[in-house]
Amino acid sequence: MKKNCSLWEKCKRLLRLKLIVPLLRSPHPPEYKARGVAVGLAWAMTPLVGIQMWAVFMTWLAAKKLFKWNFSLTLGIAWTWVTNVFTMIPAYYIFYVTGQILRFKFDSISGYDNLAGIIRDTFMSDLDFIDEWVLFFKLLLQDWGVSMALGCLPWLIVFSVGGYYMTLRFERKRAERKLKKQLLREGKD
């Protein structure tokens, strides 16, 4: 029988399925997984919603070919979903405000409603997909782009470094528990 779940429960299940399960099932060492999470979170904390997964893929190709450095592509792509179409406007506003603060432009911080309205008007217009994105990036470059690009950097650093170390710690403890269980089983035999 199917169990009726609330929207919140469905979202939690989806996040677990897409973010946590790949981490748990990956046979790779903790460092490999942690690098994937770090790269995914780094791209997630940029104002590039819509092309973040592609950016992770390009980073994976470049890292692999140019630097002989590897990370979990699956985890990298999955962790870009921290920011998405639903969280884009609040994330962009946080990046904008952080950028304005870093530029010491406290008096010119515009309100959240202004930013949300401009983004909504851009994407709810009669323009086709390409024209919407061209207009959106034009607005980014002219109006808030510099502040958002600068403002995302502290978040990018905190989330990617934090994600790396939290994943590394989690995976090492998990491997330790797994080894203890295995040793206990072997001891009983």
Protein backbone atom coordinates (compact mmCIF):
# COMPACT_ATOMS: atom_id res chain seq x y z
CA MET A 1 0.00 0.00 0.00
CA LYS A 2 1.18 3.47 -0.82
CA LYS A 3 1.66 5.78 2.10
CA ASN A 4 0.46 9.37 1.69
CA CYS A 5 3.30 11.76 2.39
CA SER A 6 3.30 15.51 2.77
CA LEU A 7 5.18 17.67 0.30
CA TRP A 8 7.83 18.26 2.97
CA GLU A 9 8.31 14.49 3.44
CA LYS A 10 8.57 13.99 -0.32
CA CYS A 11 11.21 16.75 -0.55
CA LYS A 12 13.20 15.23 2.32
CA ARG A 13 13.09 11.81 0.65
CA LEU A 14 14.17 13.27 -2.69
CA LEU A 15 17.08 15.14 -1.09
CA ARG A 16 18.18 12.01 0.73
CA LEU A 17 17.92 9.95 -2.45
CA LYS A 18 19.84 12.43 -4.60
CA LEU A 19 22.39 13.84 -2.12
CA ILE A 20 23.02 11.34 0.66
CA VAL A 21 22.50 7.93 -0.98
CA PRO A 22 25.16 8.51 -3.71
CA LEU A 23 27.59 9.48 -0.95
CA LEU A 24 26.82 6.34 1.04
CA ARG A 25 26.94 3.95 -1.92
CA SER A 26 30.11 5.23 -3.55
CA PRO A 27 32.96 2.71 -3.23
CA HIS A 28 35.63 5.42 -3.48
CA PRO A 29 37.86 6.73 -0.67
CA PRO A 30 36.62 9.56 1.58
CA GLU A 31 38.88 12.18 -0.04
CA TYR A 32 37.44 11.44 -3.49
CA LYS A 33 33.89 11.88 -2.20
CA ALA A 34 34.76 14.98 -0.19
CA ARG A 35 36.31 16.65 -3.25
CA GLY A 36 33.11 15.96 -5.19
CA VAL A 37 30.97 17.54 -2.50
CA ALA A 38 33.34 20.53 -2.29
CA VAL A 39 33.28 21.16 -6.05
CA GLY A 40 29.49 20.82 -6.15
CA LEU A 41 29.00 23.22 -3.25
CA ALA A 42 31.50 25.68 -4.73
CA TRP A 43 29.52 25.87 -7.96
CA ALA A 44 26.24 25.90 -6.02
CA MET A 45 27.34 29.08 -4.27
CA THR A 46 27.69 31.03 -7.51
CA PRO A 47 24.99 33.11 -9.22
CA LEU A 48 24.90 30.66 -12.12
CA VAL A 49 21.73 28.69 -11.40
CA GLY A 50 20.90 26.75 -14.53
CA ILE A 51 24.44 25.99 -15.64
CA GLN A 52 25.98 24.77 -12.39
CA MET A 53 25.81 21.07 -13.26
CA TRP A 54 27.46 21.80 -16.60
CA ALA A 55 30.14 23.82 -14.76
CA VAL A 56 30.83 20.85 -12.44
CA PHE A 57 31.15 18.58 -15.47
CA MET A 58 33.58 20.99 -17.15
CA THR A 59 35.55 21.28 -13.89
CA TRP A 60 35.67 17.48 -13.68
CA LEU A 61 36.99 17.23 -17.26
CA ALA A 62 39.60 19.96 -16.72
CA ALA A 63 40.72 18.59 -13.35
CA LYS A 64 41.04 15.10 -14.73
CA LYS A 65 42.85 16.00 -17.96
CA LEU A 66 44.99 18.97 -16.93
CA PHE A 67 45.79 18.34 -13.27
CA LYS A 68 45.34 14.54 -12.92
CA TRP A 69 43.02 15.37 -10.03
CA ASN A 70 39.80 13.45 -9.66
CA PHE A 71 36.58 13.76 -7.69
CA SER A 72 33.12 12.23 -7.68
CA LEU A 73 31.24 13.72 -10.60
CA THR A 74 27.94 12.30 -9.33
CA LEU A 75 28.34 13.93 -5.92
CA GLY A 76 29.56 17.19 -7.46
CA ILE A 77 26.52 17.44 -9.69
CA ALA A 78 24.13 16.39 -6.94
CA TRP A 79 25.39 18.99 -4.46
CA THR A 80 24.82 21.85 -6.91
CA TRP A 81 21.13 21.31 -6.18
CA VAL A 82 21.56 23.13 -2.86
CA THR A 83 20.78 26.24 -4.86
CA ASN A 84 18.11 25.80 -7.50
CA VAL A 85 15.23 27.59 -9.19
CA PHE A 86 13.31 27.66 -5.90
CA THR A 87 16.19 29.08 -3.84
CA MET A 88 17.66 31.26 -6.58
CA ILE A 89 16.13 34.60 -5.58
CA PRO A 90 17.08 34.39 -1.86
CA ALA A 91 20.58 33.14 -2.75
CA TYR A 92 21.09 35.93 -5.28
CA TYR A 93 19.94 38.50 -2.75
CA ILE A 94 22.35 37.14 -0.12
CA PHE A 95 25.19 37.29 -2.67
CA TYR A 96 24.18 40.84 -3.64
CA VAL A 97 24.01 42.11 -0.05
CA THR A 98 27.32 40.42 0.83
CA GLY A 99 28.92 42.01 -2.25
CA GLN A 100 27.59 45.45 -1.38
CA ILE A 101 28.96 45.07 2.15
CA LEU A 102 32.36 43.95 0.82
CA ARG A 103 32.36 46.98 -1.49
CA PHE A 104 31.42 49.26 1.45
CA LYS A 105 28.24 50.38 -0.34
CA PHE A 106 25.90 50.09 2.63
CA ASP A 107 23.56 52.87 1.54
CA SER A 108 22.88 51.45 -1.93
CA ILE A 109 21.61 48.01 -0.87
CA SER A 110 18.22 47.69 -2.53
CA GLY A 111 15.39 45.70 -1.06
CA TYR A 112 14.68 42.03 -1.58
CA ASP A 113 11.31 42.80 -3.19
CA ASN A 114 13.05 44.88 -5.88
CA LEU A 115 15.41 42.05 -6.82
CA ALA A 116 12.68 39.39 -6.68
CA GLY A 117 10.43 41.55 -8.89
CA ILE A 118 13.09 42.06 -11.52
CA ILE A 119 13.90 38.34 -11.66
CA ARG A 120 10.20 37.40 -11.78
CA ASP A 121 9.50 39.96 -14.53
CA THR A 122 12.41 38.64 -16.56
CA PHE A 123 11.30 35.02 -16.41
CA MET A 124 7.53 35.60 -16.54
CA SER A 125 7.73 37.66 -19.72
CA ASP A 126 6.70 36.60 -23.23
CA LEU A 127 10.32 36.17 -24.27
CA ASP A 128 11.62 32.80 -25.37
CA PHE A 129 14.09 30.86 -23.21
CA ILE A 130 17.28 32.22 -24.82
CA ASP A 131 16.05 35.84 -24.78
CA GLU A 132 15.04 35.51 -21.11
CA TRP A 133 18.53 34.38 -20.15
CA VAL A 134 20.20 37.05 -22.33
CA LEU A 135 18.10 39.73 -20.63
CA PHE A 136 18.76 38.21 -17.22
CA PHE A 137 22.55 38.17 -17.71
CA LYS A 138 22.46 41.71 -19.10
CA LEU A 139 20.71 42.82 -15.90
CA LEU A 140 23.24 40.90 -13.84
CA LEU A 141 26.19 42.55 -15.52
CA GLN A 142 24.74 46.06 -15.48
CA ASP A 143 22.97 46.24 -12.14
CA TRP A 144 23.95 43.70 -9.54
CA GLY A 145 26.54 41.53 -11.25
CA VAL A 146 29.69 42.91 -9.66
CA SER A 147 28.24 42.79 -6.16
CA MET A 148 26.85 39.28 -6.66
CA ALA A 149 30.09 37.97 -8.17
CA LEU A 150 32.09 39.41 -5.28
CA GLY A 151 29.47 38.50 -2.68
CA CYS A 152 29.31 34.84 -3.64
CA LEU A 153 33.03 34.33 -2.95
CA PRO A 154 32.85 34.17 0.88
CA TRP A 155 29.88 31.79 0.64
CA LEU A 156 31.66 29.68 -1.96
CA ILE A 157 34.74 29.36 0.25
CA VAL A 158 32.81 28.62 3.46
CA PHE A 159 30.47 26.08 1.90
CA SER A 160 33.05 24.24 -0.23
CA VAL A 161 35.71 24.05 2.50
CA GLY A 162 33.09 23.22 5.14
CA GLY A 163 31.49 20.62 2.87
CA TYR A 164 34.86 19.05 2.16
CA TYR A 165 35.82 18.66 5.82
CA MET A 166 32.36 17.59 6.99
CA THR A 167 32.16 14.93 4.27
CA LEU A 168 35.70 13.77 4.95
CA ARG A 169 34.98 13.47 8.68
CA PHE A 170 31.64 11.73 8.08
CA GLU A 171 33.13 9.26 5.62
CA ARG A 172 36.16 8.46 7.78
CA LYS A 173 33.96 7.78 10.81
CA ARG A 174 31.68 5.67 8.65
CA ALA A 175 34.64 3.64 7.34
CA GLU A 176 35.87 3.21 10.91
CA ARG A 177 32.47 1.89 12.07
CA LYS A 178 32.33 -0.44 9.08
CA LEU A 179 35.79 -1.82 9.90
CA LYS A 180 34.83 -2.35 13.57
CA LYS A 181 31.71 -4.27 12.53
CA GLN A 182 33.77 -6.38 10.17
CA LEU A 183 36.34 -7.15 12.87
CA LEU A 184 33.56 -8.08 15.31
CA ARG A 185 32.03 -10.44 12.75
CA GLU A 186 35.41 -12.05 12.06
CA GLY A 187 36.05 -12.39 15.78
CA LYS A 188 32.80 -14.31 16.26
CA ASP A 189 33.65 -16.78 13.49
